[in-house]
């Protein structure tokens, strides 16, 4: 995928992953990540079954959960400590 297409896809996912052109697996992962981020106490067996139904095995589900959890953790630490984004990170939507 050319860089400009990749950038456009990232922008579309950042705006709203539900309307981005994603595969079924990526769509399932985004739904899982959103729920784990916003409502972790509501996670259950059905969430894992949905990922399996999308084609992921238990190792992939474990790895995805670890990565999602880590990003949630590090974002909470950064928010709590008032860490500001680096100067070289441009806000979404700015070319």
PDB file of N, CA and C in Angstrom:
ATOM      1  N   UNK A   1       0.851  -1.181   0.000  1.00  0.00           N
ATOM      2  CA  UNK A   1       0.000   0.000   0.000  1.00  0.00           C
ATOM      3  C   UNK A   1       0.891   1.237   0.000  1.00  0.00           C
ATOM      4  N   UNK A   2       0.673   2.141  -0.945  1.00  0.00           N
ATOM      5  CA  UNK A   2       1.459   3.389  -0.971  1.00  0.00           C
ATOM      6  C   UNK A   2       1.237   4.225   0.286  1.00  0.00           C
ATOM      7  N   UNK A   3       2.224   5.047   0.609  1.00  0.00           N
ATOM      8  CA  UNK A   3       2.165   5.864   1.823  1.00  0.00           C
ATOM      9  C   UNK A   3       0.914   6.728   1.899  1.00  0.00           C
ATOM     10  N   UNK A   4       0.522   7.343   0.779  1.00  0.00           N
ATOM     11  CA  UNK A   4      -0.645   8.222   0.820  1.00  0.00           C
ATOM     12  C   UNK A   4      -1.919   7.437   1.107  1.00  0.00           C
ATOM     13  N   UNK A   5      -2.012   6.202   0.596  1.00  0.00           N
ATOM     14  CA  UNK A   5      -3.174   5.361   0.905  1.00  0.00           C
ATOM     15  C   UNK A   5      -3.161   4.943   2.374  1.00  0.00           C
ATOM     16  N   UNK A   6      -1.977   4.604   2.874  1.00  0.00           N
ATOM     17  CA  UNK A   6      -1.847   4.219   4.275  1.00  0.00           C
ATOM     18  C   UNK A   6      -2.219   5.383   5.188  1.00  0.00           C
ATOM     19  N   UNK A   7      -1.748   6.578   4.849  1.00  0.00           N
ATOM     20  CA  UNK A   7      -2.083   7.764   5.640  1.00  0.00           C
ATOM     21  C   UNK A   7      -3.587   8.018   5.627  1.00  0.00           C
ATOM     22  N   UNK A   8      -4.215   7.860   4.467  1.00  0.00           N
ATOM     23  CA  UNK A   8      -5.660   8.075   4.360  1.00  0.00           C
ATOM     24  C   UNK A   8      -6.421   7.058   5.201  1.00  0.00           C
ATOM     25  N   UNK A   9      -5.953   5.818   5.215  1.00  0.00           N
ATOM     26  CA  UNK A   9      -6.605   4.792   6.027  1.00  0.00           C
ATOM     27  C   UNK A   9      -6.468   5.102   7.512  1.00  0.00           C
ATOM     28  N   UNK A  10      -5.277   5.498   7.935  1.00  0.00           N
ATOM     29  CA  UNK A  10      -5.060   5.858   9.344  1.00  0.00           C
ATOM     30  C   UNK A  10      -5.965   7.021   9.734  1.00  0.00           C
ATOM     31  N   UNK A  11      -6.051   8.015   8.880  1.00  0.00           N
ATOM     32  CA  UNK A  11      -6.925   9.167   9.145  1.00  0.00           C
ATOM     33  C   UNK A  11      -8.380   8.721   9.270  1.00  0.00           C
ATOM     34  N   UNK A  12      -8.825   7.833   8.364  1.00  0.00           N
ATOM     35  CA  UNK A  12     -10.211   7.349   8.399  1.00  0.00           C
ATOM     36  C   UNK A  12     -10.489   6.569   9.677  1.00  0.00           C
ATOM     37  N   UNK A  13      -9.547   5.756  10.106  1.00  0.00           N
ATOM     38  CA  UNK A  13      -9.713   4.989  11.346  1.00  0.00           C
ATOM     39  C   UNK A  13      -9.763   5.932  12.541  1.00  0.00           C
ATOM     40  N   UNK A  14      -8.898   6.941  12.547  1.00  0.00           N
ATOM     41  CA  UNK A  14      -8.872   7.898  13.657  1.00  0.00           C
ATOM     42  C   UNK A  14     -10.178   8.686  13.744  1.00  0.00           C
ATOM     43  N   UNK A  15     -10.756   9.025  12.592  1.00  0.00           N
ATOM     44  CA  UNK A  15     -12.031   9.753  12.592  1.00  0.00           C
ATOM     45  C   UNK A  15     -13.152   8.873  13.133  1.00  0.00           C
ATOM     46  N   UNK A  16     -13.285   7.671  12.570  1.00  0.00           N
ATOM     47  CA  UNK A  16     -14.325   6.731  13.004  1.00  0.00           C
ATOM     48  C   UNK A  16     -14.061   5.395  12.339  1.00  0.00           C
ATOM     49  N   UNK A  17     -13.553   4.453  13.103  1.00  0.00           N
ATOM     50  CA  UNK A  17     -13.188   3.155  12.544  1.00  0.00           C
ATOM     51  C   UNK A  17     -14.387   2.447  11.915  1.00  0.00           C
ATOM     52  N   UNK A  18     -15.601   2.773  12.372  1.00  0.00           N
ATOM     53  CA  UNK A  18     -16.798   2.104  11.847  1.00  0.00           C
ATOM     54  C   UNK A  18     -17.052   2.425  10.372  1.00  0.00           C
ATOM     55  N   UNK A  19     -16.579   3.585   9.915  1.00  0.00           N
ATOM     56  CA  UNK A  19     -16.805   3.978   8.525  1.00  0.00           C
ATOM     57  C   UNK A  19     -15.558   3.795   7.659  1.00  0.00           C
ATOM     58  N   UNK A  20     -14.457   3.371   8.263  1.00  0.00           N
ATOM     59  CA  UNK A  20     -13.222   3.144   7.515  1.00  0.00           C
ATOM     60  C   UNK A  20     -13.321   1.830   6.734  1.00  0.00           C
ATOM     61  N   UNK A  21     -12.564   1.740   5.673  1.00  0.00           N
ATOM     62  CA  UNK A  21     -12.539   0.541   4.839  1.00  0.00           C
ATOM     63  C   UNK A  21     -11.621  -0.492   5.495  1.00  0.00           C
ATOM     64  N   UNK A  22     -12.206  -1.313   6.360  1.00  0.00           N
ATOM     65  CA  UNK A  22     -11.447  -2.310   7.121  1.00  0.00           C
ATOM     66  C   UNK A  22     -11.911  -3.723   6.780  1.00  0.00           C
ATOM     67  N   UNK A  23     -11.005  -4.662   6.945  1.00  0.00           N
ATOM     68  CA  UNK A  23     -11.365  -6.076   6.805  1.00  0.00           C
ATOM     69  C   UNK A  23     -12.238  -6.481   7.991  1.00  0.00           C
ATOM     70  N   UNK A  24     -12.861  -7.627   7.889  1.00  0.00           N
ATOM     71  CA  UNK A  24     -13.688  -8.132   8.988  1.00  0.00           C
ATOM     72  C   UNK A  24     -12.864  -8.341  10.255  1.00  0.00           C
ATOM     73  N   UNK A  25     -11.645  -8.825  10.094  1.00  0.00           N
ATOM     74  CA  UNK A  25     -10.773  -9.039  11.264  1.00  0.00           C
ATOM     75  C   UNK A  25     -10.430  -7.706  11.923  1.00  0.00           C
ATOM     76  N   UNK A  26     -10.045  -6.722  11.129  1.00  0.00           N
ATOM     77  CA  UNK A  26      -9.699  -5.416  11.686  1.00  0.00           C
ATOM     78  C   UNK A  26     -10.902  -4.749  12.340  1.00  0.00           C
ATOM     79  N   UNK A  27     -12.070  -4.916  11.744  1.00  0.00           N
ATOM     80  CA  UNK A  27     -13.295  -4.358  12.325  1.00  0.00           C
ATOM     81  C   UNK A  27     -13.581  -5.014  13.686  1.00  0.00           C
ATOM     82  N   UNK A  28     -13.413  -6.324  13.762  1.00  0.00           N
ATOM     83  CA  UNK A  28     -13.621  -7.042  15.027  1.00  0.00           C
ATOM     84  C   UNK A  28     -12.616  -6.585  16.080  1.00  0.00           C
ATOM     85  N   UNK A  29     -11.369  -6.397  15.673  1.00  0.00           N
ATOM     86  CA  UNK A  29     -10.346  -5.925  16.613  1.00  0.00           C
ATOM     87  C   UNK A  29     -10.649  -4.514  17.110  1.00  0.00           C
ATOM     88  N   UNK A  30     -11.120  -3.653  16.232  1.00  0.00           N
ATOM     89  CA  UNK A  30     -11.467  -2.291  16.657  1.00  0.00           C
ATOM     90  C   UNK A  30     -12.624  -2.308  17.650  1.00  0.00           C
ATOM     91  N   UNK A  31     -13.629  -3.117  17.396  1.00  0.00           N
ATOM     92  CA  UNK A  31     -14.763  -3.218  18.320  1.00  0.00           C
ATOM     93  C   UNK A  31     -14.291  -3.731  19.681  1.00  0.00           C
ATOM     94  N   UNK A  32     -13.432  -4.733  19.663  1.00  0.00           N
ATOM     95  CA  UNK A  32     -12.877  -5.297  20.896  1.00  0.00           C
ATOM     96  C   UNK A  32     -12.063  -4.246  21.649  1.00  0.00           C
ATOM     97  N   UNK A  33     -11.202  -3.531  20.929  1.00  0.00           N
ATOM     98  CA  UNK A  33     -10.366  -2.498  21.553  1.00  0.00           C
ATOM     99  C   UNK A  33     -11.220  -1.387  22.152  1.00  0.00           C
ATOM    100  N   UNK A  34     -12.247  -0.981  21.432  1.00  0.00           N
ATOM    101  CA  UNK A  34     -13.116   0.067  21.947  1.00  0.00           C
ATOM    102  C   UNK A  34     -13.809  -0.366  23.236  1.00  0.00           C
ATOM    103  N   UNK A  35     -14.338  -1.579  23.243  1.00  0.00           N
ATOM    104  CA  UNK A  35     -15.026  -2.056  24.446  1.00  0.00           C
ATOM    105  C   UNK A  35     -14.054  -2.230  25.608  1.00  0.00           C
ATOM    106  N   UNK A  36     -12.885  -2.808  25.334  1.00  0.00           N
ATOM    107  CA  UNK A  36     -11.897  -2.998  26.399  1.00  0.00           C
ATOM    108  C   UNK A  36     -11.437  -1.658  26.967  1.00  0.00           C
ATOM    109  N   UNK A  37     -11.391  -0.640  26.132  1.00  0.00           N
ATOM    110  CA  UNK A  37     -10.973   0.690  26.564  1.00  0.00           C
ATOM    111  C   UNK A  37     -12.061   1.411  27.348  1.00  0.00           C
ATOM    112  N   UNK A  38     -13.284   1.370  26.846  1.00  0.00           N
ATOM    113  CA  UNK A  38     -14.363   2.158  27.432  1.00  0.00           C
ATOM    114  C   UNK A  38     -15.184   1.435  28.494  1.00  0.00           C
ATOM    115  N   UNK A  39     -15.253   0.114  28.419  1.00  0.00           N
ATOM    116  CA  UNK A  39     -16.097  -0.647  29.352  1.00  0.00           C
ATOM    117  C   UNK A  39     -15.433  -1.968  29.727  1.00  0.00           C
ATOM    118  N   UNK A  40     -14.246  -1.923  30.317  1.00  0.00           N
ATOM    119  CA  UNK A  40     -13.514  -3.164  30.590  1.00  0.00           C
ATOM    120  C   UNK A  40     -14.264  -4.139  31.490  1.00  0.00           C
ATOM    121  N   UNK A  41     -15.056  -3.635  32.406  1.00  0.00           N
ATOM    122  CA  UNK A  41     -15.805  -4.535  33.300  1.00  0.00           C
ATOM    123  C   UNK A  41     -16.879  -5.313  32.549  1.00  0.00           C
ATOM    124  N   UNK A  42     -17.254  -4.841  31.370  1.00  0.00           N
ATOM    125  CA  UNK A  42     -18.277  -5.511  30.581  1.00  0.00           C
ATOM    126  C   UNK A  42     -17.745  -6.583  29.643  1.00  0.00           C
ATOM    127  N   UNK A  43     -16.446  -6.795  29.647  1.00  0.00           N
ATOM    128  CA  UNK A  43     -15.858  -7.797  28.764  1.00  0.00           C
ATOM    129  C   UNK A  43     -16.253  -9.190  29.227  1.00  0.00           C
ATOM    130  N   UNK A  44     -16.467 -10.069  28.258  1.00  0.00           N
ATOM    131  CA  UNK A  44     -16.845 -11.435  28.599  1.00  0.00           C
ATOM    132  C   UNK A  44     -16.464 -12.414  27.509  1.00  0.00           C
ATOM    133  N   UNK A  45     -16.898 -13.628  27.705  1.00  0.00           N
ATOM    134  CA  UNK A  45     -16.575 -14.704  26.771  1.00  0.00           C
ATOM    135  C   UNK A  45     -17.055 -14.395  25.354  1.00  0.00           C
ATOM    136  N   UNK A  46     -18.178 -13.706  25.239  1.00  0.00           N
ATOM    137  CA  UNK A  46     -18.706 -13.395  23.913  1.00  0.00           C
ATOM    138  C   UNK A  46     -17.754 -12.490  23.122  1.00  0.00           C
ATOM    139  N   UNK A  47     -16.996 -11.659  23.817  1.00  0.00           N
ATOM    140  CA  UNK A  47     -16.038 -10.784  23.138  1.00  0.00           C
ATOM    141  C   UNK A  47     -14.897 -11.594  22.519  1.00  0.00           C
ATOM    142  N   UNK A  48     -14.427 -12.589  23.242  1.00  0.00           N
ATOM    143  CA  UNK A  48     -13.376 -13.465  22.726  1.00  0.00           C
ATOM    144  C   UNK A  48     -13.933 -14.328  21.593  1.00  0.00           C
ATOM    145  N   UNK A  49     -15.157 -14.822  21.766  1.00  0.00           N
ATOM    146  CA  UNK A  49     -15.773 -15.633  20.707  1.00  0.00           C
ATOM    147  C   UNK A  49     -15.925 -14.841  19.414  1.00  0.00           C
ATOM    148  N   UNK A  50     -16.223 -13.555  19.513  1.00  0.00           N
ATOM    149  CA  UNK A  50     -16.357 -12.718  18.317  1.00  0.00           C
ATOM    150  C   UNK A  50     -15.026 -12.616  17.577  1.00  0.00           C
ATOM    151  N   UNK A  51     -13.931 -12.521  18.320  1.00  0.00           N
ATOM    152  CA  UNK A  51     -12.617 -12.472  17.680  1.00  0.00           C
ATOM    153  C   UNK A  51     -12.262 -13.811  17.041  1.00  0.00           C
ATOM    154  N   UNK A  52     -12.607 -14.900  17.718  1.00  0.00           N
ATOM    155  CA  UNK A  52     -12.371 -16.224  17.125  1.00  0.00           C
ATOM    156  C   UNK A  52     -13.193 -16.382  15.848  1.00  0.00           C
ATOM    157  N   UNK A  53     -14.436 -15.924  15.873  1.00  0.00           N
ATOM    158  CA  UNK A  53     -15.306 -16.020  14.697  1.00  0.00           C
ATOM    159  C   UNK A  53     -14.753 -15.201  13.530  1.00  0.00           C
ATOM    160  N   UNK A  54     -14.017 -14.141  13.847  1.00  0.00           N
ATOM    161  CA  UNK A  54     -13.401 -13.307  12.802  1.00  0.00           C
ATOM    162  C   UNK A  54     -12.126 -13.939  12.252  1.00  0.00           C
ATOM    163  N   UNK A  55     -11.670 -15.024  12.890  1.00  0.00           N
ATOM    164  CA  UNK A  55     -10.507 -15.742  12.378  1.00  0.00           C
ATOM    165  C   UNK A  55      -9.253 -15.674  13.213  1.00  0.00           C
ATOM    166  N   UNK A  56      -9.327 -15.064  14.389  1.00  0.00           N
ATOM    167  CA  UNK A  56      -8.139 -14.967  15.243  1.00  0.00           C
ATOM    168  C   UNK A  56      -8.022 -16.182  16.147  1.00  0.00           C
ATOM    169  N   UNK A  57      -6.794 -16.632  16.368  1.00  0.00           N
ATOM    170  CA  UNK A  57      -6.582 -17.721  17.306  1.00  0.00           C
ATOM    171  C   UNK A  57      -6.297 -17.143  18.696  1.00  0.00           C
ATOM    172  N   UNK A  58      -6.168 -18.021  19.673  1.00  0.00           N
ATOM    173  CA  UNK A  58      -5.998 -17.558  21.052  1.00  0.00           C
ATOM    174  C   UNK A  58      -4.715 -16.760  21.263  1.00  0.00           C
ATOM    175  N   UNK A  59      -3.652 -17.097  20.547  1.00  0.00           N
ATOM    176  CA  UNK A  59      -2.405 -16.338  20.688  1.00  0.00           C
ATOM    177  C   UNK A  59      -2.594 -14.913  20.168  1.00  0.00           C
ATOM    178  N   UNK A  60      -3.247 -14.767  19.031  1.00  0.00           N
ATOM    179  CA  UNK A  60      -3.495 -13.434  18.475  1.00  0.00           C
ATOM    180  C   UNK A  60      -4.402 -12.625  19.396  1.00  0.00           C
ATOM    181  N   UNK A  61      -5.401 -13.280  19.973  1.00  0.00           N
ATOM    182  CA  UNK A  61      -6.310 -12.587  20.901  1.00  0.00           C
ATOM    183  C   UNK A  61      -5.551 -12.150  22.143  1.00  0.00           C
ATOM    184  N   UNK A  62      -4.707 -13.014  22.656  1.00  0.00           N
ATOM    185  CA  UNK A  62      -3.881 -12.665  23.813  1.00  0.00           C
ATOM    186  C   UNK A  62      -2.988 -11.476  23.492  1.00  0.00           C
ATOM    187  N   UNK A  63      -2.308 -11.531  22.345  1.00  0.00           N
ATOM    188  CA  UNK A  63      -1.400 -10.449  21.969  1.00  0.00           C
ATOM    189  C   UNK A  63      -2.156  -9.131  21.793  1.00  0.00           C
ATOM    190  N   UNK A  64      -3.305  -9.175  21.131  1.00  0.00           N
ATOM    191  CA  UNK A  64      -4.107  -7.960  20.939  1.00  0.00           C
ATOM    192  C   UNK A  64      -4.533  -7.382  22.286  1.00  0.00           C
ATOM    193  N   UNK A  65      -4.958  -8.253  23.191  1.00  0.00           N
ATOM    194  CA  UNK A  65      -5.396  -7.794  24.512  1.00  0.00           C
ATOM    195  C   UNK A  65      -4.245  -7.141  25.273  1.00  0.00           C
ATOM    196  N   UNK A  66      -3.065  -7.735  25.185  1.00  0.00           N
ATOM    197  CA  UNK A  66      -1.891  -7.162  25.850  1.00  0.00           C
ATOM    198  C   UNK A  66      -1.552  -5.786  25.281  1.00  0.00           C
ATOM    199  N   UNK A  67      -1.593  -5.644  23.970  1.00  0.00           N
ATOM    200  CA  UNK A  67      -1.260  -4.368  23.338  1.00  0.00           C
ATOM    201  C   UNK A  67      -2.304  -3.305  23.669  1.00  0.00           C
ATOM    202  N   UNK A  68      -3.567  -3.658  23.575  1.00  0.00           N
ATOM    203  CA  UNK A  68      -4.645  -2.714  23.905  1.00  0.00           C
ATOM    204  C   UNK A  68      -4.526  -2.286  25.365  1.00  0.00           C
ATOM    205  N   UNK A  69      -4.313  -3.248  26.244  1.00  0.00           N
ATOM    206  CA  UNK A  69      -4.165  -2.939  27.665  1.00  0.00           C
ATOM    207  C   UNK A  69      -2.973  -2.043  27.941  1.00  0.00           C
ATOM    208  N   UNK A  70      -1.855  -2.301  27.264  1.00  0.00           N
ATOM    209  CA  UNK A  70      -0.665  -1.473  27.462  1.00  0.00           C
ATOM    210  C   UNK A  70      -0.932  -0.038  27.031  1.00  0.00           C
ATOM    211  N   UNK A  71      -1.543   0.143  25.862  1.00  0.00           N
ATOM    212  CA  UNK A  71      -1.826   1.505  25.404  1.00  0.00           C
ATOM    213  C   UNK A  71      -2.790   2.212  26.345  1.00  0.00           C
ATOM    214  N   UNK A  72      -3.782   1.492  26.847  1.00  0.00           N
ATOM    215  CA  UNK A  72      -4.691   2.099  27.821  1.00  0.00           C
ATOM    216  C   UNK A  72      -3.930   2.509  29.082  1.00  0.00           C
ATOM    217  N   UNK A  73      -3.054   1.648  29.538  1.00  0.00           N
ATOM    218  CA  UNK A  73      -2.251   1.933  30.725  1.00  0.00           C
ATOM    219  C   UNK A  73      -1.379   3.174  30.515  1.00  0.00           C
ATOM    220  N   UNK A  74      -0.612   3.178  29.432  1.00  0.00           N
ATOM    221  CA  UNK A  74       0.340   4.270  29.226  1.00  0.00           C
ATOM    222  C   UNK A  74      -0.384   5.590  28.996  1.00  0.00           C
ATOM    223  N   UNK A  75      -1.538   5.561  28.334  1.00  0.00           N
ATOM    224  CA  UNK A  75      -2.320   6.789  28.159  1.00  0.00           C
ATOM    225  C   UNK A  75      -2.836   7.312  29.489  1.00  0.00           C
ATOM    226  N   UNK A  76      -3.243   6.426  30.375  1.00  0.00           N
ATOM    227  CA  UNK A  76      -3.722   6.861  31.693  1.00  0.00           C
ATOM    228  C   UNK A  76      -2.583   7.457  32.517  1.00  0.00           C
ATOM    229  N   UNK A  77      -1.413   6.842  32.448  1.00  0.00           N
ATOM    230  CA  UNK A  77      -0.247   7.391  33.151  1.00  0.00           C
ATOM    231  C   UNK A  77       0.079   8.777  32.593  1.00  0.00           C
ATOM    232  N   UNK A  78       0.122   8.905  31.281  1.00  0.00           N
ATOM    233  CA  UNK A  78       0.441  10.198  30.662  1.00  0.00           C
ATOM    234  C   UNK A  78      -0.604  11.245  31.034  1.00  0.00           C
ATOM    235  N   UNK A  79      -1.887  10.870  31.006  1.00  0.00           N
ATOM    236  CA  UNK A  79      -2.947  11.814  31.385  1.00  0.00           C
ATOM    237  C   UNK A  79      -2.804  12.239  32.842  1.00  0.00           C
ATOM    238  N   UNK A  80      -2.526  11.276  33.717  1.00  0.00           N
ATOM    239  CA  UNK A  80      -2.418  11.577  35.145  1.00  0.00           C
ATOM    240  C   UNK A  80      -1.249  12.508  35.447  1.00  0.00           C
ATOM    241  N   UNK A  81      -0.174  12.379  34.700  1.00  0.00           N
ATOM    242  CA  UNK A  81       1.018  13.179  34.940  1.00  0.00           C
ATOM    243  C   UNK A  81       1.077  14.441  34.091  1.00  0.00           C
ATOM    244  N   UNK A  82       0.073  14.637  33.248  1.00  0.00           N
ATOM    245  CA  UNK A  82       0.031  15.829  32.421  1.00  0.00           C
ATOM    246  C   UNK A  82       1.068  15.855  31.316  1.00  0.00           C
ATOM    247  N   UNK A  83       1.450  14.686  30.827  1.00  0.00           N
ATOM    248  CA  UNK A  83       2.432  14.613  29.754  1.00  0.00           C
ATOM    249  C   UNK A  83       1.833  15.218  28.485  1.00  0.00           C
ATOM    250  N   UNK A  84       2.584  16.104  27.852  1.00  0.00           N
ATOM    251  CA  UNK A  84       2.144  16.758  26.629  1.00  0.00           C
ATOM    252  C   UNK A  84       2.705  16.010  25.416  1.00  0.00           C
ATOM    253  N   UNK A  85       1.978  16.012  24.299  1.00  0.00           N
ATOM    254  CA  UNK A  85       2.504  15.357  23.090  1.00  0.00           C
ATOM    255  C   UNK A  85       3.824  15.988  22.652  1.00  0.00           C
ATOM    256  N   UNK A  86       4.642  15.190  22.012  1.00  0.00           N
ATOM    257  CA  UNK A  86       5.912  15.687  21.470  1.00  0.00           C
ATOM    258  C   UNK A  86       5.630  16.746  20.409  1.00  0.00           C
ATOM    259  N   UNK A  87       6.570  17.662  20.233  1.00  0.00           N
ATOM    260  CA  UNK A  87       6.411  18.724  19.237  1.00  0.00           C
ATOM    261  C   UNK A  87       6.306  18.192  17.809  1.00  0.00           C
ATOM    262  N   UNK A  88       6.960  17.043  17.540  1.00  0.00           N
ATOM    263  CA  UNK A  88       6.971  16.523  16.179  1.00  0.00           C
ATOM    264  C   UNK A  88       5.702  15.751  15.826  1.00  0.00           C
ATOM    265  N   UNK A  89       4.813  15.543  16.780  1.00  0.00           N
ATOM    266  CA  UNK A  89       3.566  14.825  16.505  1.00  0.00           C
ATOM    267  C   UNK A  89       2.517  15.845  16.092  1.00  0.00           C
ATOM    268  N   UNK A  90       2.088  15.733  14.846  1.00  0.00           N
ATOM    269  CA  UNK A  90       1.089  16.687  14.346  1.00  0.00           C
ATOM    270  C   UNK A  90      -0.312  16.242  14.737  1.00  0.00           C
ATOM    271  N   UNK A  91      -1.191  17.175  15.040  1.00  0.00           N
ATOM    272  CA  UNK A  91      -2.576  16.825  15.339  1.00  0.00           C
ATOM    273  C   UNK A  91      -3.237  16.185  14.119  1.00  0.00           C
ATOM    274  N   UNK A  92      -4.202  15.285  14.370  1.00  0.00           N
ATOM    275  CA  UNK A  92      -4.907  14.623  13.277  1.00  0.00           C
ATOM    276  C   UNK A  92      -5.579  15.675  12.416  1.00  0.00           C
ATOM    277  N   UNK A  93      -5.526  15.450  11.118  1.00  0.00           N
ATOM    278  CA  UNK A  93      -6.190  16.346  10.179  1.00  0.00           C
ATOM    279  C   UNK A  93      -5.303  17.451   9.645  1.00  0.00           C
ATOM    280  N   UNK A  94      -4.117  17.606  10.216  1.00  0.00           N
ATOM    281  CA  UNK A  94      -3.192  18.622   9.724  1.00  0.00           C
ATOM    282  C   UNK A  94      -2.176  17.953   8.816  1.00  0.00           C
ATOM    283  N   UNK A  95      -2.007  18.472   7.631  1.00  0.00           N
ATOM    284  CA  UNK A  95      -1.053  17.900   6.668  1.00  0.00           C
ATOM    285  C   UNK A  95       0.311  18.280   6.990  1.00  0.00           C
TER     286      UNK A  95
END
